[in-house]
C-alpha cells in the first residue's frame, strides 16, 4: 500500500464522503476542520512513526492526500538520515 493510499484510508475514517483521491483543497474549502486536523496529525504520527513539527502544519502540506503523502515521505526520509 502506498503512503497516499494509507493516508486516504485515515482521511476516510475521519471525514467520510469526501473524494480524497482528487480533492486538492481540503484545507482551503474547510473539508478538514481544526479538530479533524488534530486527530489527523495524531493518526499520521502513529501510522508512520514520525513526528510532525508545528511548522509543517500548513495548508500547502494538507490540501490534498498527495501533499500529505509528500510531507510524510519527506519527514520519514529525514528521520532516516
N, C-alpha and C. Protein backbone atom coordinates (compact mmCIF):
# COMPACT_ATOMS: atom_id res chain seq x y z
N UNK A 1 0.85 -1.18 0.00
CA UNK A 1 0.00 0.00 0.00
C UNK A 1 0.89 1.25 0.00
N UNK A 2 0.57 2.18 -0.85
CA UNK A 2 1.36 3.40 -0.93
C UNK A 2 1.06 4.31 0.26
N UNK A 3 1.94 5.26 0.49
CA UNK A 3 1.73 6.24 1.54
C UNK A 3 0.42 6.97 1.31
N UNK A 4 0.17 7.39 0.07
CA UNK A 4 -1.04 8.14 -0.24
C UNK A 4 -2.30 7.30 0.02
N UNK A 5 -2.27 6.03 -0.35
CA UNK A 5 -3.43 5.15 -0.09
C UNK A 5 -3.70 5.01 1.40
N UNK A 6 -2.64 4.86 2.18
CA UNK A 6 -2.80 4.75 3.63
C UNK A 6 -3.38 6.04 4.22
N UNK A 7 -2.94 7.17 3.69
CA UNK A 7 -3.45 8.46 4.15
C UNK A 7 -4.93 8.61 3.78
N UNK A 8 -5.29 8.20 2.59
CA UNK A 8 -6.69 8.27 2.17
C UNK A 8 -7.57 7.43 3.10
N UNK A 9 -7.10 6.27 3.52
CA UNK A 9 -7.86 5.45 4.47
C UNK A 9 -8.07 6.20 5.79
N UNK A 10 -6.99 6.84 6.28
CA UNK A 10 -7.12 7.61 7.53
C UNK A 10 -8.12 8.75 7.35
N UNK A 11 -8.02 9.45 6.23
CA UNK A 11 -8.92 10.57 5.97
C UNK A 11 -10.36 10.12 5.86
N UNK A 12 -10.60 8.99 5.19
CA UNK A 12 -11.96 8.48 5.03
C UNK A 12 -12.58 8.11 6.37
N UNK A 13 -11.75 7.61 7.29
CA UNK A 13 -12.26 7.30 8.63
C UNK A 13 -12.66 8.57 9.39
N UNK A 14 -11.88 9.63 9.21
CA UNK A 14 -12.12 10.87 9.93
C UNK A 14 -13.20 11.73 9.30
N UNK A 15 -13.32 11.65 7.99
CA UNK A 15 -14.18 12.58 7.25
C UNK A 15 -14.81 11.88 6.06
N UNK A 16 -15.76 10.98 6.28
CA UNK A 16 -16.36 10.23 5.18
C UNK A 16 -17.11 11.13 4.20
N UNK A 17 -17.18 10.66 2.96
CA UNK A 17 -17.97 11.36 1.96
C UNK A 17 -17.21 12.36 1.11
N UNK A 18 -15.90 12.46 1.30
CA UNK A 18 -15.08 13.37 0.51
C UNK A 18 -14.25 12.55 -0.47
N UNK A 19 -14.11 13.02 -1.70
CA UNK A 19 -13.27 12.35 -2.69
C UNK A 19 -11.81 12.75 -2.46
N UNK A 20 -11.15 12.03 -1.58
CA UNK A 20 -9.79 12.38 -1.20
C UNK A 20 -8.77 12.10 -2.30
N UNK A 21 -9.12 11.27 -3.26
CA UNK A 21 -8.19 10.98 -4.36
C UNK A 21 -8.00 12.18 -5.28
N UNK A 22 -9.06 12.99 -5.45
CA UNK A 22 -8.95 14.10 -6.39
C UNK A 22 -9.02 15.49 -5.76
N UNK A 23 -9.45 15.60 -4.53
CA UNK A 23 -9.60 16.90 -3.89
C UNK A 23 -8.23 17.51 -3.59
N UNK A 24 -8.05 18.76 -4.00
CA UNK A 24 -6.79 19.47 -3.76
C UNK A 24 -7.00 20.73 -2.92
N UNK A 25 -8.14 20.81 -2.27
CA UNK A 25 -8.46 21.99 -1.46
C UNK A 25 -9.07 21.59 -0.12
N UNK A 26 -8.50 20.58 0.50
CA UNK A 26 -9.05 20.08 1.76
C UNK A 26 -9.08 21.15 2.84
N UNK A 27 -8.03 21.94 2.95
CA UNK A 27 -7.97 22.99 3.95
C UNK A 27 -8.69 24.24 3.43
N UNK A 28 -8.36 24.63 2.20
CA UNK A 28 -8.94 25.86 1.64
C UNK A 28 -10.46 25.83 1.63
N UNK A 29 -11.05 24.66 1.34
CA UNK A 29 -12.51 24.54 1.32
C UNK A 29 -13.09 24.04 2.65
N UNK A 30 -12.25 23.99 3.65
CA UNK A 30 -12.64 23.59 5.01
C UNK A 30 -13.28 22.21 5.09
N UNK A 31 -12.78 21.31 4.26
CA UNK A 31 -13.24 19.92 4.35
C UNK A 31 -12.61 19.25 5.57
N UNK A 32 -11.46 19.78 5.99
CA UNK A 32 -10.82 19.33 7.22
C UNK A 32 -10.86 20.52 8.17
N UNK A 33 -11.55 20.35 9.31
CA UNK A 33 -11.61 21.44 10.29
C UNK A 33 -10.49 21.26 11.32
N UNK A 34 -10.41 22.18 12.26
CA UNK A 34 -9.30 22.17 13.21
C UNK A 34 -9.28 20.92 14.09
N UNK A 35 -10.44 20.45 14.52
CA UNK A 35 -10.47 19.25 15.35
C UNK A 35 -10.07 18.01 14.55
N UNK A 36 -10.52 17.94 13.31
CA UNK A 36 -10.13 16.83 12.44
C UNK A 36 -8.64 16.87 12.17
N UNK A 37 -8.10 18.08 12.02
CA UNK A 37 -6.66 18.23 11.77
C UNK A 37 -5.85 17.68 12.94
N UNK A 38 -6.29 17.96 14.14
CA UNK A 38 -5.59 17.45 15.33
C UNK A 38 -5.60 15.92 15.32
N UNK A 39 -6.75 15.35 15.06
CA UNK A 39 -6.85 13.89 15.01
C UNK A 39 -6.02 13.32 13.87
N UNK A 40 -6.04 13.99 12.72
CA UNK A 40 -5.28 13.52 11.56
C UNK A 40 -3.79 13.52 11.84
N UNK A 41 -3.29 14.59 12.43
CA UNK A 41 -1.86 14.68 12.74
C UNK A 41 -1.47 13.55 13.71
N UNK A 42 -2.28 13.32 14.72
CA UNK A 42 -2.00 12.24 15.67
C UNK A 42 -2.02 10.88 14.97
N UNK A 43 -3.00 10.66 14.10
CA UNK A 43 -3.08 9.39 13.36
C UNK A 43 -1.88 9.21 12.43
N UNK A 44 -1.48 10.28 11.76
CA UNK A 44 -0.33 10.20 10.85
C UNK A 44 0.95 9.88 11.62
N UNK A 45 1.12 10.53 12.77
CA UNK A 45 2.31 10.28 13.58
C UNK A 45 2.34 8.83 14.05
N UNK A 46 1.20 8.29 14.45
CA UNK A 46 1.13 6.90 14.89
C UNK A 46 1.37 5.93 13.73
N UNK A 47 0.70 6.17 12.62
CA UNK A 47 0.76 5.26 11.47
C UNK A 47 2.16 5.19 10.87
N UNK A 48 2.80 6.35 10.73
CA UNK A 48 4.08 6.41 10.03
C UNK A 48 5.28 6.56 10.96
N UNK A 49 5.01 6.54 12.28
CA UNK A 49 6.05 6.63 13.29
C UNK A 49 6.99 7.79 13.02
N UNK A 50 6.38 8.97 12.89
CA UNK A 50 7.12 10.19 12.59
C UNK A 50 6.54 11.32 13.41
N UNK A 51 7.37 12.29 13.75
CA UNK A 51 6.88 13.50 14.43
C UNK A 51 6.62 14.56 13.37
N UNK A 52 5.47 15.19 13.44
CA UNK A 52 5.13 16.26 12.51
C UNK A 52 5.28 17.57 13.29
N UNK A 53 6.35 18.32 12.99
CA UNK A 53 6.56 19.59 13.70
C UNK A 53 5.45 20.60 13.36
N UNK A 54 5.20 21.51 14.27
CA UNK A 54 4.15 22.52 14.07
C UNK A 54 4.38 23.33 12.79
N UNK A 55 5.64 23.57 12.41
CA UNK A 55 5.93 24.35 11.20
C UNK A 55 5.47 23.65 9.93
N UNK A 56 5.23 22.35 10.00
CA UNK A 56 4.77 21.58 8.84
C UNK A 56 3.24 21.61 8.70
N UNK A 57 2.55 22.07 9.74
CA UNK A 57 1.08 22.04 9.72
C UNK A 57 0.59 23.34 9.07
N UNK A 58 0.69 23.33 7.74
CA UNK A 58 0.27 24.46 6.90
C UNK A 58 -0.59 23.92 5.77
N UNK A 59 -1.40 24.79 5.19
CA UNK A 59 -2.33 24.38 4.13
C UNK A 59 -1.62 23.67 2.98
N UNK A 60 -0.47 24.16 2.56
CA UNK A 60 0.24 23.53 1.44
C UNK A 60 0.53 22.05 1.68
N UNK A 61 0.77 21.67 2.92
CA UNK A 61 1.06 20.27 3.24
C UNK A 61 -0.18 19.43 3.47
N UNK A 62 -1.35 20.05 3.61
CA UNK A 62 -2.56 19.31 3.96
C UNK A 62 -3.74 19.53 3.01
N UNK A 63 -3.54 20.19 1.89
CA UNK A 63 -4.64 20.46 0.97
C UNK A 63 -5.05 19.25 0.15
N UNK A 64 -4.21 18.23 0.08
CA UNK A 64 -4.56 17.01 -0.67
C UNK A 64 -3.88 15.81 -0.04
N UNK A 65 -4.40 14.64 -0.35
CA UNK A 65 -3.76 13.41 0.12
C UNK A 65 -2.35 13.30 -0.44
N UNK A 66 -2.15 13.73 -1.69
CA UNK A 66 -0.83 13.68 -2.30
C UNK A 66 0.15 14.61 -1.57
N UNK A 67 -0.31 15.79 -1.19
CA UNK A 67 0.55 16.73 -0.46
C UNK A 67 0.92 16.17 0.92
N UNK A 68 -0.05 15.55 1.59
CA UNK A 68 0.22 14.94 2.90
C UNK A 68 1.23 13.82 2.73
N UNK A 69 1.04 12.99 1.70
CA UNK A 69 1.97 11.89 1.44
C UNK A 69 3.37 12.41 1.17
N UNK A 70 3.48 13.48 0.40
CA UNK A 70 4.79 14.07 0.13
C UNK A 70 5.47 14.54 1.39
N UNK A 71 4.72 15.17 2.28
CA UNK A 71 5.27 15.63 3.54
C UNK A 71 5.71 14.44 4.39
N UNK A 72 4.86 13.43 4.50
CA UNK A 72 5.19 12.25 5.30
C UNK A 72 6.43 11.56 4.76
N UNK A 73 6.48 11.34 3.44
CA UNK A 73 7.65 10.69 2.84
C UNK A 73 8.92 11.49 3.13
N UNK A 74 8.83 12.81 3.05
CA UNK A 74 9.99 13.66 3.31
C UNK A 74 10.42 13.56 4.78
N UNK A 75 9.45 13.60 5.70
CA UNK A 75 9.77 13.51 7.12
C UNK A 75 10.37 12.15 7.48
N UNK A 76 9.82 11.10 6.90
CA UNK A 76 10.36 9.75 7.15
C UNK A 76 11.81 9.69 6.63
N UNK A 77 12.03 10.22 5.45
CA UNK A 77 13.38 10.22 4.85
C UNK A 77 14.35 11.00 5.72
N UNK A 78 13.91 12.16 6.24
CA UNK A 78 14.76 12.95 7.10
C UNK A 78 15.10 12.21 8.38
N UNK A 79 14.16 11.43 8.90
CA UNK A 79 14.42 10.65 10.12
C UNK A 79 15.45 9.56 9.86
N UNK A 80 15.52 9.06 8.63
CA UNK A 80 16.47 8.00 8.29
C UNK A 80 17.90 8.54 8.14
N UNK A 81 18.00 9.82 7.82
CA UNK A 81 19.34 10.42 7.62
C UNK A 81 20.05 10.68 8.91
